[in-house]
Amino acid sequence: MPACAITYRRSSEAGGSYGLKASVTWEVDWTGSGDTGGDLPDGVFETTYDVTVQEIQTVVR
């Protein structure tokens, strides 16, 4: 399973939802001419979203 995959084992209750929180963090550095450069503060993006799961699919082998 990919690192970013999400598995819901049950559907949402009638009218309900699952809370999903996702975030991305990246490290930033720079290099310039004349041996200049340095680190910048980490970049962070984060958001939340309500996900309604209406149906669950199952594969039985």
N, C-alpha and C. Protein backbone atom coordinates (compact mmCIF):
# COMPACT_ATOMS: atom_id res chain seq x y z
N MET A 1 0.85 -1.17 0.00
CA MET A 1 0.00 0.00 0.00
C MET A 1 0.89 1.24 0.00
N PRO A 2 0.61 2.23 -0.84
CA PRO A 2 1.41 3.45 -0.87
C PRO A 2 1.39 4.17 0.48
N ALA A 3 2.42 4.93 0.74
CA ALA A 3 2.53 5.65 2.02
C ALA A 3 1.41 6.66 2.22
N CYS A 4 0.81 7.14 1.16
CA CYS A 4 -0.23 8.16 1.31
C CYS A 4 -1.64 7.58 1.19
N ALA A 5 -1.79 6.27 1.16
CA ALA A 5 -3.10 5.65 1.02
C ALA A 5 -3.88 5.72 2.33
N ILE A 6 -5.19 5.79 2.21
CA ILE A 6 -6.08 5.80 3.37
C ILE A 6 -7.09 4.68 3.18
N THR A 7 -7.31 3.89 4.20
CA THR A 7 -8.29 2.81 4.15
C THR A 7 -9.38 3.09 5.17
N TYR A 8 -10.61 3.11 4.71
CA TYR A 8 -11.77 3.23 5.60
C TYR A 8 -12.42 1.86 5.67
N ARG A 9 -12.52 1.31 6.84
CA ARG A 9 -13.06 -0.04 7.00
C ARG A 9 -14.58 -0.05 7.17
N ARG A 10 -15.16 1.10 7.40
CA ARG A 10 -16.62 1.22 7.55
C ARG A 10 -17.09 2.48 6.86
N SER A 11 -18.32 2.45 6.39
CA SER A 11 -18.89 3.67 5.82
C SER A 11 -19.23 4.63 6.95
N SER A 12 -19.43 5.89 6.58
CA SER A 12 -19.85 6.89 7.55
C SER A 12 -21.27 6.56 8.02
N GLU A 13 -21.56 6.86 9.24
CA GLU A 13 -22.94 6.71 9.71
C GLU A 13 -23.81 7.69 8.92
N ALA A 14 -25.12 7.48 8.92
CA ALA A 14 -26.03 8.34 8.16
C ALA A 14 -25.77 9.82 8.48
N GLY A 15 -25.35 10.55 7.46
CA GLY A 15 -25.10 11.97 7.63
C GLY A 15 -23.78 12.31 8.29
N GLY A 16 -22.98 11.31 8.65
CA GLY A 16 -21.72 11.55 9.33
C GLY A 16 -20.54 11.61 8.37
N SER A 17 -19.38 11.83 8.93
CA SER A 17 -18.17 11.88 8.12
C SER A 17 -16.96 11.56 8.98
N TYR A 18 -15.85 11.27 8.32
CA TYR A 18 -14.57 11.09 8.99
C TYR A 18 -13.78 12.39 8.85
N GLY A 19 -13.09 12.77 9.89
CA GLY A 19 -12.21 13.92 9.79
C GLY A 19 -10.87 13.50 9.21
N LEU A 20 -10.41 14.18 8.19
CA LEU A 20 -9.14 13.90 7.55
C LEU A 20 -8.23 15.10 7.74
N LYS A 21 -7.04 14.87 8.27
CA LYS A 21 -6.06 15.94 8.45
C LYS A 21 -4.83 15.57 7.63
N ALA A 22 -4.43 16.45 6.74
CA ALA A 22 -3.27 16.19 5.90
C ALA A 22 -2.27 17.33 6.05
N SER A 23 -1.01 16.97 6.05
CA SER A 23 0.02 18.00 6.14
C SER A 23 1.23 17.62 5.30
N VAL A 24 1.92 18.64 4.81
CA VAL A 24 3.14 18.48 4.04
C VAL A 24 4.18 19.39 4.67
N THR A 25 5.38 18.85 4.93
CA THR A 25 6.48 19.64 5.46
C THR A 25 7.68 19.45 4.56
N TRP A 26 8.34 20.53 4.21
CA TRP A 26 9.54 20.41 3.40
C TRP A 26 10.65 21.28 3.97
N GLU A 27 11.88 20.78 3.79
CA GLU A 27 13.07 21.49 4.24
C GLU A 27 13.58 22.34 3.08
N VAL A 28 13.99 23.57 3.39
CA VAL A 28 14.42 24.50 2.36
C VAL A 28 15.84 24.97 2.65
N ASP A 29 16.72 24.88 1.65
CA ASP A 29 18.03 25.51 1.75
C ASP A 29 18.37 26.12 0.40
N TRP A 30 19.35 26.97 0.39
CA TRP A 30 19.70 27.64 -0.86
C TRP A 30 21.21 27.75 -0.99
N THR A 31 21.64 27.82 -2.25
CA THR A 31 23.05 27.96 -2.56
C THR A 31 23.18 29.06 -3.60
N GLY A 32 24.10 30.00 -3.34
CA GLY A 32 24.33 31.10 -4.26
C GLY A 32 25.79 31.14 -4.69
N SER A 33 26.10 32.13 -5.48
CA SER A 33 27.49 32.28 -5.94
C SER A 33 28.36 32.79 -4.80
N GLY A 34 29.66 32.58 -4.91
CA GLY A 34 30.60 33.06 -3.91
C GLY A 34 30.50 32.34 -2.58
N ASP A 35 30.19 31.05 -2.62
CA ASP A 35 30.06 30.24 -1.39
C ASP A 35 29.03 30.77 -0.41
N THR A 36 27.97 31.37 -0.93
CA THR A 36 26.87 31.81 -0.05
C THR A 36 25.80 30.74 -0.03
N GLY A 37 24.97 30.77 0.96
CA GLY A 37 23.88 29.81 1.08
C GLY A 37 23.42 29.72 2.51
N GLY A 38 22.49 28.87 2.74
CA GLY A 38 22.01 28.69 4.10
C GLY A 38 20.70 27.94 4.13
N ASP A 39 20.18 27.81 5.32
CA ASP A 39 18.90 27.14 5.54
C ASP A 39 17.81 28.18 5.76
N LEU A 40 16.64 27.87 5.31
CA LEU A 40 15.46 28.69 5.56
C LEU A 40 14.52 27.89 6.47
N PRO A 41 13.57 28.55 7.11
CA PRO A 41 12.62 27.79 7.95
C PRO A 41 11.88 26.73 7.13
N ASP A 42 11.55 25.62 7.77
CA ASP A 42 10.77 24.57 7.10
C ASP A 42 9.45 25.15 6.58
N GLY A 43 9.03 24.66 5.43
CA GLY A 43 7.73 25.03 4.90
C GLY A 43 6.70 24.01 5.37
N VAL A 44 5.54 24.48 5.80
CA VAL A 44 4.49 23.59 6.30
C VAL A 44 3.15 24.03 5.71
N PHE A 45 2.41 23.07 5.16
CA PHE A 45 1.04 23.29 4.71
C PHE A 45 0.19 22.23 5.37
N GLU A 46 -0.92 22.63 5.98
CA GLU A 46 -1.78 21.68 6.69
C GLU A 46 -3.23 22.09 6.50
N THR A 47 -4.09 21.10 6.35
CA THR A 47 -5.52 21.37 6.21
C THR A 47 -6.33 20.21 6.76
N THR A 48 -7.57 20.45 7.07
CA THR A 48 -8.49 19.40 7.50
C THR A 48 -9.70 19.39 6.56
N TYR A 49 -10.31 18.22 6.45
CA TYR A 49 -11.43 18.06 5.53
C TYR A 49 -12.31 16.94 6.06
N ASP A 50 -13.63 17.10 5.96
CA ASP A 50 -14.57 16.05 6.34
C ASP A 50 -14.85 15.16 5.14
N VAL A 51 -14.66 13.85 5.30
CA VAL A 51 -14.83 12.89 4.21
C VAL A 51 -16.03 12.00 4.52
N THR A 52 -16.97 11.96 3.61
CA THR A 52 -18.13 11.07 3.74
C THR A 52 -17.85 9.79 2.95
N VAL A 53 -17.92 8.65 3.62
CA VAL A 53 -17.68 7.35 2.98
C VAL A 53 -19.05 6.68 2.86
N GLN A 54 -19.51 6.54 1.62
CA GLN A 54 -20.87 6.03 1.40
C GLN A 54 -20.91 4.52 1.24
N GLU A 55 -19.84 3.92 0.72
CA GLU A 55 -19.86 2.50 0.45
C GLU A 55 -18.45 1.95 0.59
N ILE A 56 -18.34 0.74 1.11
CA ILE A 56 -17.06 0.07 1.26
C ILE A 56 -17.03 -1.12 0.31
N GLN A 57 -15.93 -1.27 -0.45
CA GLN A 57 -15.75 -2.40 -1.34
C GLN A 57 -14.84 -3.41 -0.67
N THR A 58 -15.12 -4.69 -0.84
CA THR A 58 -14.33 -5.75 -0.25
C THR A 58 -14.01 -6.81 -1.30
N VAL A 59 -12.77 -7.29 -1.26
CA VAL A 59 -12.37 -8.38 -2.14
C VAL A 59 -12.06 -9.57 -1.24
N VAL A 60 -12.72 -10.70 -1.50
CA VAL A 60 -12.51 -11.92 -0.74
C VAL A 60 -11.88 -12.94 -1.67
N ARG A 61 -10.76 -13.51 -1.25
CA ARG A 61 -10.08 -14.48 -2.11
C ARG A 61 -10.14 -15.84 -1.52
